[in-house]
N, C-alpha and C. Protein backbone atom coordinates (compact mmCIF):
# COMPACT_ATOMS: atom_id res chain seq x y z
N UNK A 1 10.41 -45.11 41.29
CA UNK A 1 9.29 -44.34 40.79
C UNK A 1 9.08 -42.95 41.54
N UNK A 2 9.45 -42.68 42.94
CA UNK A 2 9.00 -41.44 43.44
C UNK A 2 10.37 -40.80 42.96
N UNK A 3 11.06 -41.05 42.60
CA UNK A 3 12.77 -40.51 42.07
C UNK A 3 12.24 -39.56 40.62
N UNK A 4 11.83 -40.32 39.90
CA UNK A 4 11.25 -40.05 38.44
C UNK A 4 9.79 -38.89 38.68
N UNK A 5 9.24 -39.20 39.68
CA UNK A 5 7.99 -38.02 39.46
C UNK A 5 8.88 -36.71 40.29
N UNK A 6 9.52 -36.79 40.94
CA UNK A 6 10.15 -35.90 41.57
C UNK A 6 11.28 -35.05 40.89
N UNK A 7 11.62 -35.76 40.09
CA UNK A 7 12.81 -35.59 38.80
C UNK A 7 11.75 -34.54 37.41
N UNK A 8 10.73 -34.95 37.32
CA UNK A 8 9.49 -34.30 36.45
C UNK A 8 9.20 -32.76 37.20
N UNK A 9 8.83 -33.49 38.50
CA UNK A 9 7.89 -32.24 39.17
C UNK A 9 9.44 -30.58 39.44
N UNK A 10 10.57 -31.24 39.33
CA UNK A 10 12.09 -30.29 39.03
C UNK A 10 11.79 -29.72 38.29
N UNK A 11 11.70 -30.49 36.86
CA UNK A 11 12.11 -29.84 35.63
C UNK A 11 10.47 -29.54 35.21
N UNK A 12 9.36 -29.31 35.53
CA UNK A 12 8.37 -28.84 34.88
C UNK A 12 8.73 -26.90 35.89
N UNK A 13 9.40 -27.27 37.32
CA UNK A 13 9.44 -25.92 37.96
C UNK A 13 10.10 -25.04 37.33
N UNK A 14 11.15 -25.44 36.94
CA UNK A 14 12.29 -25.08 36.32
C UNK A 14 11.55 -24.58 34.53
N UNK A 15 11.26 -25.04 33.94
CA UNK A 15 10.44 -24.61 32.89
C UNK A 15 9.73 -23.47 32.85
N UNK A 16 8.92 -23.76 34.25
CA UNK A 16 8.13 -22.68 34.43
C UNK A 16 8.51 -21.32 34.48
N UNK A 17 9.31 -21.45 35.51
CA UNK A 17 10.29 -20.32 36.39
C UNK A 17 11.11 -19.57 34.97
N UNK A 18 11.90 -20.20 33.97
CA UNK A 18 12.21 -19.64 33.02
C UNK A 18 11.15 -19.22 31.98
N UNK A 19 10.07 -19.70 31.72
CA UNK A 19 9.26 -19.24 30.44
C UNK A 19 8.35 -18.06 31.51
N UNK A 20 8.17 -17.74 32.61
CA UNK A 20 7.73 -16.82 33.47
C UNK A 20 8.60 -15.56 33.26
N UNK A 21 10.02 -15.63 33.34
CA UNK A 21 10.86 -15.00 33.85
C UNK A 21 10.19 -13.46 33.18
N UNK A 22 10.65 -12.39 33.83
CA UNK A 22 10.47 -10.99 33.19
C UNK A 22 11.55 -9.99 32.84
N UNK A 23 12.46 -10.74 32.71
CA UNK A 23 13.66 -10.31 31.88
C UNK A 23 13.22 -10.36 30.24
N UNK A 24 13.52 -9.46 29.60
CA UNK A 24 13.64 -9.65 28.16
C UNK A 24 14.44 -10.06 27.65
N UNK A 25 14.50 -11.01 26.11
CA UNK A 25 16.19 -11.20 25.28
C UNK A 25 16.25 -9.36 24.84
N UNK A 26 17.25 -8.98 25.31
CA UNK A 26 17.77 -7.99 24.48
C UNK A 26 17.64 -7.39 22.91
N UNK A 27 18.36 -8.32 22.22
CA UNK A 27 18.06 -8.80 20.74
C UNK A 27 16.75 -8.73 20.28
N UNK A 28 15.75 -9.77 21.12
CA UNK A 28 14.47 -9.73 20.72
C UNK A 28 13.52 -8.14 21.05
N UNK A 29 14.01 -7.61 21.94
CA UNK A 29 13.45 -6.03 22.20
C UNK A 29 14.05 -5.10 21.27
N UNK A 30 15.36 -5.26 20.32
CA UNK A 30 15.81 -4.45 19.35
C UNK A 30 15.02 -4.91 18.47
N UNK A 31 14.61 -6.04 17.89
CA UNK A 31 14.34 -6.21 17.01
C UNK A 31 12.42 -5.78 16.80
N UNK A 32 11.46 -6.08 17.78
CA UNK A 32 10.42 -5.50 18.52
C UNK A 32 10.42 -3.95 18.20
N UNK A 33 11.98 -3.27 18.56
CA UNK A 33 11.35 -1.85 18.20
C UNK A 33 11.91 -1.46 16.65
N UNK A 34 12.49 -1.91 16.36
CA UNK A 34 13.03 -1.57 14.88
C UNK A 34 11.65 -1.68 14.07
N UNK A 35 10.60 -3.22 14.19
CA UNK A 35 9.70 -3.49 13.31
C UNK A 35 8.63 -2.32 13.81
N UNK A 36 8.36 -1.57 14.89
CA UNK A 36 7.77 -0.80 15.05
C UNK A 36 8.18 0.71 14.46
N UNK A 37 9.28 0.70 14.34
CA UNK A 37 10.24 2.06 13.92
C UNK A 37 9.67 1.60 12.39
N UNK A 38 9.80 0.60 11.40
CA UNK A 38 9.62 0.75 10.19
C UNK A 38 8.20 0.93 9.97
N UNK A 39 7.40 0.39 10.55
CA UNK A 39 5.91 0.14 10.47
C UNK A 39 5.42 1.63 10.08
N UNK A 40 6.07 2.84 10.84
CA UNK A 40 5.96 4.23 10.20
C UNK A 40 6.82 5.03 9.40
N UNK A 41 7.75 4.54 9.48
CA UNK A 41 8.80 5.04 8.06
C UNK A 41 8.42 5.09 6.81
N UNK A 42 8.26 6.58 6.53
CA UNK A 42 7.74 6.98 5.24
C UNK A 42 8.25 6.44 3.97
N UNK A 43 9.55 6.28 4.20
CA UNK A 43 10.27 5.68 3.23
C UNK A 43 10.37 3.86 3.40
N UNK A 44 9.51 3.30 4.19
CA UNK A 44 9.27 2.22 4.05
C UNK A 44 8.32 1.78 2.57
N UNK A 45 8.53 0.10 2.29
CA UNK A 45 7.55 -0.37 1.29
C UNK A 45 6.28 -0.06 1.65
N UNK A 46 5.66 0.45 0.89
CA UNK A 46 4.34 1.01 0.77
C UNK A 46 3.37 0.34 1.24
N UNK A 47 2.39 0.07 1.76
CA UNK A 47 0.77 -0.59 2.43
C UNK A 47 0.59 -1.01 1.12
N UNK A 48 -0.41 -2.08 1.21
CA UNK A 48 -1.60 -2.24 0.11
C UNK A 48 -2.80 -2.15 0.91
N UNK A 49 -3.00 -2.65 2.25
CA UNK A 49 -4.11 -2.57 2.81
C UNK A 49 -4.04 -1.74 4.59
N UNK A 50 -4.75 -0.71 4.30
CA UNK A 50 -4.70 0.20 5.38
C UNK A 50 -5.99 0.31 6.13
N UNK A 51 -5.90 0.67 7.36
CA UNK A 51 -7.34 1.06 7.95
C UNK A 51 -7.64 2.31 7.23
N UNK A 52 -7.32 3.23 6.76
CA UNK A 52 -7.98 4.26 6.33
C UNK A 52 -7.48 4.36 4.99
N UNK A 53 -8.07 4.21 3.72
CA UNK A 53 -7.54 4.28 2.46
C UNK A 53 -7.23 5.92 1.93
N UNK A 54 -6.67 6.27 0.79
CA UNK A 54 -6.49 7.50 0.85
C UNK A 54 -7.48 7.85 -0.29
N UNK A 55 -7.68 9.24 -0.57
CA UNK A 55 -9.08 9.74 -0.67
C UNK A 55 -8.69 10.75 -2.03
N UNK A 56 -9.42 10.98 -2.99
CA UNK A 56 -8.54 11.98 -4.08
C UNK A 56 -9.29 13.27 -2.95
N UNK A 57 -9.22 14.54 -3.20
CA UNK A 57 -10.03 15.45 -2.65
C UNK A 57 -11.04 15.65 -3.47
N UNK A 58 -12.32 15.85 -2.49
CA UNK A 58 -13.74 15.61 -3.28
C UNK A 58 -14.17 14.51 -3.42
N UNK A 59 -13.30 13.36 -2.98
CA UNK A 59 -13.80 12.26 -3.31
C UNK A 59 -14.19 11.62 -4.66
N UNK A 60 -14.91 9.83 -5.08
CA UNK A 60 -14.51 9.39 -5.74
C UNK A 60 -14.92 9.93 -6.96
N UNK A 61 -16.16 10.67 -6.76
CA UNK A 61 -17.09 11.76 -8.20
C UNK A 61 -16.12 12.88 -8.70
N UNK A 62 -15.38 13.04 -7.55
CA UNK A 62 -14.25 14.74 -8.31
C UNK A 62 -13.07 13.50 -9.33
N UNK A 63 -12.85 12.58 -8.40
CA UNK A 63 -11.71 12.28 -9.14
C UNK A 63 -12.03 11.77 -10.74
N UNK A 64 -12.99 10.97 -10.65
CA UNK A 64 -13.75 10.85 -11.64
C UNK A 64 -13.95 11.63 -12.70
N UNK A 65 -14.54 12.64 -12.50
CA UNK A 65 -14.93 14.42 -13.22
C UNK A 65 -13.49 14.67 -13.53
N UNK A 66 -12.50 14.56 -12.62
CA UNK A 66 -10.85 15.03 -12.99
C UNK A 66 -10.39 14.10 -14.28
N UNK A 67 -10.46 12.85 -13.80
CA UNK A 67 -9.76 12.01 -14.70
C UNK A 67 -10.77 12.01 -16.24
N UNK A 68 -11.99 12.71 -16.46
CA UNK A 68 -12.95 12.60 -17.38
C UNK A 68 -12.44 13.88 -18.46
N UNK A 69 -12.40 14.49 -17.43
CA UNK A 69 -12.04 16.09 -18.26
C UNK A 69 -10.77 16.67 -18.67
N UNK A 70 -9.59 15.27 -18.23
CA UNK A 70 -8.33 15.51 -18.47
C UNK A 70 -7.40 14.45 -19.44
N UNK A 71 -8.17 13.13 -19.14
CA UNK A 71 -7.95 11.82 -20.15
C UNK A 71 -8.18 12.50 -21.68
N UNK A 72 -7.20 12.53 -22.35
CA UNK A 72 -7.54 12.48 -24.19
C UNK A 72 -7.30 11.49 -24.64
N UNK A 73 -8.26 10.83 -25.43
CA UNK A 73 -8.11 9.17 -26.10
C UNK A 73 -6.98 9.91 -27.39
N UNK A 74 -6.43 8.93 -26.97
CA UNK A 74 -4.60 9.37 -28.01
C UNK A 74 -4.99 8.76 -29.31
N UNK A 75 -4.55 9.92 -30.63
CA UNK A 75 -5.34 9.72 -31.48
C UNK A 75 -5.17 8.46 -32.37
N UNK A 76 -3.90 7.62 -32.23
CA UNK A 76 -3.47 6.70 -33.10
C UNK A 76 -4.11 5.23 -31.99
N UNK A 77 -4.82 5.18 -31.16
CA UNK A 77 -5.64 3.94 -30.88
C UNK A 77 -7.30 4.66 -30.94
N UNK A 78 -7.42 5.89 -31.18
CA UNK A 78 -8.78 5.97 -31.85
C UNK A 78 -8.74 5.31 -33.21
N UNK A 79 -7.81 6.17 -33.69
CA UNK A 79 -7.81 5.61 -35.47
C UNK A 79 -7.98 4.16 -35.34
N UNK A 80 -7.49 3.44 -34.31
CA UNK A 80 -7.40 1.94 -34.46
C UNK A 80 -8.26 0.97 -33.81
N UNK A 81 -9.45 2.09 -33.38
CA UNK A 81 -10.35 1.36 -33.04
C UNK A 81 -10.06 0.45 -31.70
N UNK A 82 -9.03 1.25 -30.57
CA UNK A 82 -8.63 0.18 -29.37
C UNK A 82 -9.68 1.07 -28.31
N UNK A 83 -10.37 0.12 -27.71
CA UNK A 83 -11.06 0.05 -26.41
C UNK A 83 -10.64 -0.76 -25.29
N UNK A 84 -11.12 -0.27 -24.32
CA UNK A 84 -10.54 -1.61 -23.28
C UNK A 84 -10.27 -0.77 -21.90
N UNK A 85 -9.31 -1.46 -20.81
CA UNK A 85 -9.36 -1.08 -19.71
C UNK A 85 -7.80 -0.92 -19.85
N UNK A 86 -7.18 0.02 -19.50
CA UNK A 86 -5.58 0.39 -19.21
C UNK A 86 -5.58 0.53 -17.50
N UNK A 87 -5.19 -0.65 -16.92
CA UNK A 87 -4.79 -0.66 -14.85
C UNK A 87 -3.24 0.29 -14.61
N UNK A 88 -3.25 1.02 -13.88
CA UNK A 88 -2.51 1.54 -13.58
C UNK A 88 -2.24 1.36 -11.59
N UNK A 89 -1.07 1.58 -11.34
CA UNK A 89 -0.60 1.06 -10.02
C UNK A 89 0.19 2.39 -8.98
N UNK A 90 0.13 2.75 -8.34
CA UNK A 90 0.58 3.86 -7.99
C UNK A 90 0.63 4.23 -6.71
N UNK A 91 1.77 4.49 -5.94
CA UNK A 91 1.67 4.84 -4.43
C UNK A 91 1.86 6.42 -4.63
N UNK A 92 0.72 6.26 -3.19
CA UNK A 92 0.30 8.01 -2.75
C UNK A 92 0.85 8.11 -1.60
N UNK A 93 1.77 9.28 -1.79
CA UNK A 93 2.87 9.04 -0.22
C UNK A 93 2.05 9.88 0.79
N UNK A 94 2.84 10.01 1.55
CA UNK A 94 2.36 10.66 3.21
C UNK A 94 1.86 12.17 3.00
N UNK A 95 2.96 12.68 1.54
CA UNK A 95 2.56 14.30 1.58
C UNK A 95 1.33 14.42 0.34
N UNK A 96 0.49 13.26 0.15
CA UNK A 96 -0.55 13.19 -0.95
C UNK A 96 0.17 13.48 -2.35
N UNK A 97 1.31 13.18 -2.35
CA UNK A 97 2.07 12.96 -3.74
C UNK A 97 1.69 12.03 -4.68
N UNK A 98 2.33 11.57 -5.70
CA UNK A 98 1.88 10.48 -6.58
C UNK A 98 3.19 10.13 -6.79
N UNK A 99 3.86 9.14 -6.42
CA UNK A 99 4.80 8.35 -7.40
C UNK A 99 4.87 6.82 -7.79
N UNK A 100 6.06 6.50 -8.12
CA UNK A 100 5.99 4.93 -8.75
C UNK A 100 4.89 4.76 -9.51
N UNK A 101 4.56 5.40 -10.56
CA UNK A 101 3.45 5.04 -11.67
C UNK A 101 3.63 3.97 -12.24
N UNK A 102 2.90 2.42 -12.30
CA UNK A 102 3.16 1.44 -13.09
C UNK A 102 1.87 0.85 -13.79
N UNK A 103 2.27 0.27 -15.04
CA UNK A 103 1.26 -0.15 -16.09
C UNK A 103 0.84 -1.62 -15.54
N UNK A 104 0.06 -2.01 -14.91
CA UNK A 104 -0.62 -3.27 -14.31
C UNK A 104 -0.93 -4.27 -15.86
N UNK A 105 -1.73 -3.64 -16.31
CA UNK A 105 -2.38 -4.16 -17.70
C UNK A 105 -2.64 -3.38 -18.60
N UNK A 106 -1.91 -3.71 -19.92
CA UNK A 106 -1.79 -2.79 -20.87
C UNK A 106 -2.92 -2.99 -21.72
N UNK A 107 -3.19 -1.55 -22.35
CA UNK A 107 -4.48 -1.91 -23.37
C UNK A 107 -3.38 -1.60 -24.70
N UNK A 108 -2.44 -0.46 -24.72
CA UNK A 108 -1.94 -0.10 -26.04
C UNK A 108 -0.81 0.78 -25.15
N UNK A 109 0.16 1.16 -25.47
CA UNK A 109 1.38 2.02 -25.37
C UNK A 109 0.82 3.27 -25.10
N UNK A 110 -0.10 3.47 -26.18
CA UNK A 110 -0.42 5.34 -25.98
C UNK A 110 -1.42 5.37 -25.31
N UNK A 111 -2.48 4.56 -24.81
CA UNK A 111 -3.62 4.57 -23.86
C UNK A 111 -2.79 4.48 -22.20
N UNK A 112 -1.68 3.88 -22.15
CA UNK A 112 -0.90 3.67 -20.73
C UNK A 112 -0.25 4.92 -20.71
N UNK A 113 0.29 5.73 -21.39
CA UNK A 113 1.20 6.54 -21.17
C UNK A 113 -0.22 8.00 -20.90
N UNK A 114 -1.17 7.96 -21.77
CA UNK A 114 -1.86 9.14 -21.34
C UNK A 114 -2.63 8.87 -19.80
N UNK A 115 -2.90 7.93 -19.68
CA UNK A 115 -3.33 7.54 -18.29
C UNK A 115 -2.37 7.76 -17.20
N UNK A 116 -1.15 7.41 -17.69
CA UNK A 116 0.10 7.60 -16.27
C UNK A 116 0.02 9.20 -16.30
N UNK A 117 0.18 9.89 -17.60
CA UNK A 117 0.06 11.07 -17.45
C UNK A 117 -0.77 12.20 -16.77
N UNK A 118 -2.28 11.80 -16.63
CA UNK A 118 -3.27 12.23 -15.94
C UNK A 118 -3.03 11.72 -14.37
N UNK A 119 -2.51 10.63 -13.99
CA UNK A 119 -2.27 10.22 -13.07
C UNK A 119 -1.20 11.14 -12.14
N UNK A 120 -0.43 11.62 -12.98
CA UNK A 120 0.87 12.50 -12.41
C UNK A 120 0.36 13.53 -12.30
N UNK A 121 -1.06 13.99 -12.73
CA UNK A 121 -1.55 15.67 -12.87
C UNK A 121 -2.21 15.46 -11.06
N UNK A 122 -2.44 14.51 -10.42
CA UNK A 122 -3.47 14.11 -9.68
C UNK A 122 -2.39 14.44 -8.26
N UNK A 123 -1.20 14.22 -8.68
CA UNK A 123 -0.20 14.35 -7.26
C UNK A 123 -0.40 15.73 -6.50
N UNK A 124 -0.92 15.56 -5.39
CA UNK A 124 -0.75 16.79 -3.97
C UNK A 124 -2.44 16.62 -4.42
N UNK A 125 -3.51 16.18 -5.06
CA UNK A 125 -4.91 16.08 -4.39
C UNK A 125 -5.20 15.12 -4.00
N UNK A 126 -4.49 14.69 -3.02
CA UNK A 126 -4.76 13.22 -2.51
C UNK A 126 -4.49 13.52 -0.83
N UNK A 127 -5.55 12.65 0.11
CA UNK A 127 -5.40 12.94 1.49
C UNK A 127 -4.87 11.37 1.86
N UNK A 128 -3.82 11.50 2.12
CA UNK A 128 -2.77 10.36 2.14
C UNK A 128 -3.79 9.02 3.30
N UNK A 129 -3.18 7.58 3.01
CA UNK A 129 -4.20 6.51 3.67
C UNK A 129 -3.22 7.02 4.98
N UNK A 130 -3.86 5.79 6.36
CA UNK A 130 -3.65 5.99 7.53
C UNK A 130 -3.52 5.10 8.17
N UNK A 131 -2.32 4.44 8.66
CA UNK A 131 -2.33 3.02 9.57
C UNK A 131 -1.91 3.71 11.29
N UNK A 132 -2.78 3.04 11.64
CA UNK A 132 -2.58 2.98 13.26
C UNK A 132 -2.54 5.04 13.66
N UNK A 133 -3.56 5.63 12.76
CA UNK A 133 -3.55 7.20 12.79
C UNK A 133 -2.61 7.95 12.19
N UNK A 134 -1.58 7.38 11.73
CA UNK A 134 -0.31 7.96 10.81
C UNK A 134 -0.20 8.08 9.80
N UNK A 135 -0.01 9.03 8.51
CA UNK A 135 -0.02 9.11 7.34
C UNK A 135 0.74 7.80 7.11
N UNK A 136 0.77 7.12 6.14
CA UNK A 136 1.61 6.06 5.35
C UNK A 136 1.57 6.02 3.58
N UNK A 137 2.69 5.76 3.24
CA UNK A 137 2.78 5.64 2.31
C UNK A 137 1.64 4.13 1.58
N UNK A 138 0.76 4.41 0.24
CA UNK A 138 -0.01 3.47 0.39
C UNK A 138 -0.13 2.92 -1.35
N UNK A 139 0.02 1.83 -1.67
CA UNK A 139 0.00 1.31 -3.06
C UNK A 139 -1.50 1.42 -3.68
N UNK A 140 -1.78 2.38 -4.69
CA UNK A 140 -3.73 2.44 -5.22
C UNK A 140 -3.46 1.28 -6.63
N UNK A 141 -4.29 1.38 -7.02
CA UNK A 141 -4.68 0.60 -8.29
C UNK A 141 -5.81 1.23 -8.46
N UNK A 142 -5.61 2.09 -10.13
CA UNK A 142 -6.77 2.27 -10.59
C UNK A 142 -6.92 2.00 -12.19
N UNK A 143 -8.22 1.52 -12.59
CA UNK A 143 -8.40 1.02 -14.25
C UNK A 143 -8.83 2.38 -14.56
N UNK A 144 -8.69 2.57 -15.99
CA UNK A 144 -9.06 3.13 -16.94
C UNK A 144 -9.51 3.05 -17.80
N UNK A 145 -11.10 2.97 -18.22
CA UNK A 145 -11.36 2.69 -19.43
C UNK A 145 -11.82 3.85 -20.27
N UNK A 146 -11.14 3.12 -21.20
CA UNK A 146 -11.51 3.63 -23.05
C UNK A 146 -12.31 3.20 -23.61
N UNK A 147 -13.37 4.04 -24.42
CA UNK A 147 -14.09 3.68 -25.13
C UNK A 147 -14.63 4.63 -25.76
N UNK A 148 -14.16 4.49 -27.57
CA UNK A 148 -14.49 5.45 -28.39
C UNK A 148 -16.41 5.15 -28.35
N UNK A 149 -16.58 6.61 -27.94
CA UNK A 149 -18.24 7.09 -28.59
C UNK A 149 -18.85 7.39 -30.00
């Protein structure tokens, strides 16, 4: 019994000594460094959640005014009585430019194209999103409502 207890004591001591080692696995250290580097790489996959979201210059009201004054209701959609929401998703890059515009929810081909055209016009008018104090690319989702007055 004493021999069994002594063996367990030695094993526990060895486990504690190896788990408390100050030397780090070089492979793990490289992976950790790559992860940190990737986190701030502008060409990295866009963030969906960030500490500080991108902001249209002038704020949300300025963005709504810009969209309202630049979107032209497509004639074919208006004639057909098409009303509803087109939802776009796009990336706001670290320089405030817009890229990778995609339609998430389509209303009609004409309304989708018009909304995408106007979103392209906003390129350069954004303050980029930030993560850990650094500008990062952020995927932004924007619903555009079409109503006939």
